[in-house]
C-alpha atoms as a PDB file:
ATOM      1  CA  MET A   1      81.344  59.760 109.741  1.00  0.00           C
ATOM      2  CA  ASN A   2      80.479  61.313 106.372  1.00  0.00           C
ATOM      3  CA  GLY A   3      80.103  64.812 107.840  1.00  0.00           C
ATOM      4  CA  PHE A   4      83.464  64.574 109.600  1.00  0.00           C
ATOM      5  CA  GLU A   5      85.243  63.473 106.406  1.00  0.00           C
ATOM      6  CA  VAL A   6      83.913  66.570 104.608  1.00  0.00           C
ATOM      7  CA  LEU A   7      84.884  68.982 107.409  1.00  0.00           C
ATOM      8  CA  VAL A   8      88.518  67.867 107.634  1.00  0.00           C
ATOM      9  CA  PRO A   9      89.489  69.117 104.144  1.00  0.00           C
ATOM     10  CA  ILE A  10      87.519  72.332 104.636  1.00  0.00           C
ATOM     11  CA  PHE A  11      89.312  73.107 107.911  1.00  0.00           C
ATOM     12  CA  GLY A  12      92.608  72.042 106.350  1.00  0.00           C
ATOM     13  CA  ILE A  13      92.109  74.450 103.465  1.00  0.00           C
ATOM     14  CA  LEU A  14      91.103  77.259 105.828  1.00  0.00           C
ATOM     15  CA  LEU A  15      94.069  76.642 108.116  1.00  0.00           C
ATOM     16  CA  VAL A  16      96.470  76.806 105.159  1.00  0.00           C
ATOM     17  CA  LEU A  17      94.722  79.182 102.762  1.00  0.00           C
ATOM     18  CA  VAL A  18      93.952  82.015 105.195  1.00  0.00           C
ATOM     19  CA  PRO A  19      97.498  82.395 106.594  1.00  0.00           C
ATOM     20  CA  VAL A  20      99.099  82.036 103.155  1.00  0.00           C
ATOM     21  CA  THR A  21      96.735  84.641 101.687  1.00  0.00           C
ATOM     22  CA  GLY A  22      97.364  87.015 104.585  1.00  0.00           C
ATOM     23  CA  LEU A  23     101.120  86.581 104.327  1.00  0.00           C
ATOM     24  CA  THR A  24     100.960  87.187 100.582  1.00  0.00           C
ATOM     25  CA  LEU A  25      99.008  90.416 101.038  1.00  0.00           C
ATOM     26  CA  ILE A  26     101.347  91.667 103.758  1.00  0.00           C
ATOM     27  CA  LEU A  27     104.485  90.919 101.753  1.00  0.00           C
ATOM     28  CA  THR A  28     102.979  92.478  98.636  1.00  0.00           C
ATOM     29  CA  ALA A  29     102.126  95.634 100.546  1.00  0.00           C
ATOM     30  CA  ARG A  30     105.580  95.777 102.133  1.00  0.00           C
ATOM     31  CA  PHE A  31     107.747  95.096  99.114  1.00  0.00           C
ATOM     32  CA  ALA A  32     105.628  96.469  96.249  1.00  0.00           C
ATOM     33  CA  LEU A  33     103.258  99.149  97.482  1.00  0.00           C
ATOM     34  CA  LYS A  34     105.474 100.899 100.047  1.00  0.00           C
ATOM     35  CA  PRO A  35     108.362 101.674  97.643  1.00  0.00           C
ATOM     36  CA  MET A  36     105.876 102.796  94.994  1.00  0.00           C
ATOM     37  CA  THR A  37     104.139 105.099  97.492  1.00  0.00           C
ATOM     38  CA  GLU A  38     107.460 106.527  98.665  1.00  0.00           C
ATOM     39  CA  THR A  39     108.531 107.178  95.066  1.00  0.00           C
ATOM     40  CA  ILE A  40     105.295 109.000  94.275  1.00  0.00           C
ATOM     41  CA  ALA A  41     105.577 111.080  97.467  1.00  0.00           C
ATOM     42  CA  LYS A  42     109.193 112.002  96.664  1.00  0.00           C
ATOM     43  CA  ALA A  43     108.257 113.031  93.122  1.00  0.00           C
ATOM     44  CA  LEU A  44     105.429 115.214  94.432  1.00  0.00           C
ATOM     45  CA  ARG A  45     107.729 116.880  96.986  1.00  0.00           C
ATOM     46  CA  GLU A  46     110.376 117.609  94.356  1.00  0.00           C
ATOM     47  CA  SER A  47     107.813 119.040  91.938  1.00  0.00           C
ATOM     48  CA  GLY A  48     106.621 121.486  94.591  1.00  0.00           C
ATOM     49  CA  PHE A  49     103.110 120.046  94.541  1.00  0.00           C
ATOM     50  CA  ALA A  50     103.167 119.019  98.205  1.00  0.00           C
ATOM     51  CA  ALA A  51     101.181 121.340 100.451  1.00  0.00           C
ATOM     52  CA  GLY A  52     103.605 121.116 103.399  1.00  0.00           C
ATOM     53  CA  SER A  53     106.533 122.875 101.750  1.00  0.00           C
ATOM     54  CA  GLY A  54     104.332 125.600 100.270  1.00  0.00           C
ATOM     55  CA  GLY A  55     103.063 126.528 103.717  1.00  0.00           C
ATOM     56  CA  VAL A  56     106.578 126.906 105.097  1.00  0.00           C
ATOM     57  CA  ASP A  57     107.656 129.040 102.130  1.00  0.00           C
ATOM     58  CA  ARG A  58     104.556 131.209 102.452  1.00  0.00           C
ATOM     59  CA  LEU A  59     105.152 131.653 106.175  1.00  0.00           C
ATOM     60  CA  GLN A  60     108.765 132.684 105.529  1.00  0.00           C
ATOM     61  CA  GLU A  61     107.624 135.193 102.892  1.00  0.00           C
ATOM     62  CA  LEU A  62     105.032 136.684 105.250  1.00  0.00           C
ATOM     63  CA  THR A  63     107.613 136.932 108.030  1.00  0.00           C
ATOM     64  CA  GLU A  64     109.962 138.855 105.719  1.00  0.00           C
ATOM     65  CA  GLN A  65     107.148 141.191 104.667  1.00  0.00           C
ATOM     66  CA  VAL A  66     106.240 141.907 108.298  1.00  0.00           C
ATOM     67  CA  GLN A  67     109.889 142.699 109.049  1.00  0.00           C
ATOM     68  CA  LEU A  68     110.068 145.076 106.076  1.00  0.00           C
ATOM     69  CA  LEU A  69     106.888 146.834 107.177  1.00  0.00           C
ATOM     70  CA  THR A  70     108.219 147.137 110.729  1.00  0.00           C
ATOM     71  CA  ASP A  71     111.423 148.735 109.441  1.00  0.00           C
ATOM     72  CA  GLU A  72     109.449 151.112 107.222  1.00  0.00           C
ATOM     73  CA  VAL A  73     107.221 152.187 110.114  1.00  0.00           C
ATOM     74  CA  ALA A  74     110.319 152.848 112.242  1.00  0.00           C
ATOM     75  CA  ARG A  75     111.803 155.036 109.472  1.00  0.00           C
ATOM     76  CA  LEU A  76     108.510 156.919 109.107  1.00  0.00           C
ATOM     77  CA  ARG A  77     108.410 157.576 112.854  1.00  0.00           C
ATOM     78  CA  GLU A  78     111.984 158.900 112.749  1.00  0.00           C
ATOM     79  CA  ALA A  79     111.104 161.173 109.826  1.00  0.00           C
ATOM     80  CA  GLN A  80     107.966 162.392 111.638  1.00  0.00           C
ATOM     81  CA  GLU A  81     109.969 163.130 114.777  1.00  0.00           C
ATOM     82  CA  PHE A  82     112.556 164.998 112.660  1.00  0.00           C
ATOM     83  CA  ASP A  83     109.778 167.068 111.049  1.00  0.00           C
ATOM     84  CA  ARG A  84     108.319 167.898 114.467  1.00  0.00           C
ATOM     85  CA  THR A  85     111.746 168.981 115.666  1.00  0.00           C
ATOM     86  CA  LEU A  86     112.211 171.246 112.636  1.00  0.00           C
ATOM     87  CA  ILE A  87     108.769 172.785 112.988  1.00  0.00           C
ATOM     88  CA  GLY A  88     109.221 173.234 116.752  1.00  0.00           C
ATOM     89  CA  GLY A  89     112.628 174.875 116.247  1.00  0.00           C
ATOM     90  CA  ARG A  90     111.269 177.294 113.635  1.00  0.00           C
ATOM     91  CA  GLY A  91     108.454 178.413 115.940  1.00  0.00           C
ATOM     92  CA  GLU A  92     110.883 179.099 118.826  1.00  0.00           C
ATOM     93  CA  GLY A  93     113.180 181.202 116.632  1.00  0.00           C
ATOM     94  CA  ARG A  94     110.364 183.684 115.780  1.00  0.00           C
ATOM     95  CA  ASP A  95     109.469 184.492 119.378  1.00  0.00           C
END
């Protein structure tokens, strides 16, 4: 009977202490840590420190540079074709 009298309070403490401790940790994480984490993440995004926004900006910049280079190549081809036309026309006039 002595062993059983000792086990009852131990199981009683475990049945109450474990759920209460778990609930406390969950509520602490939900109501204290989550808002703090969201605030830190928002501050990092606004400061420009976040890697995600930098990648999008860099991609947009590279896209604009490619478009400018494409336009420049098109203008150079037009100028080259114009030069060929002038040179070809000059050679035909001499014959």
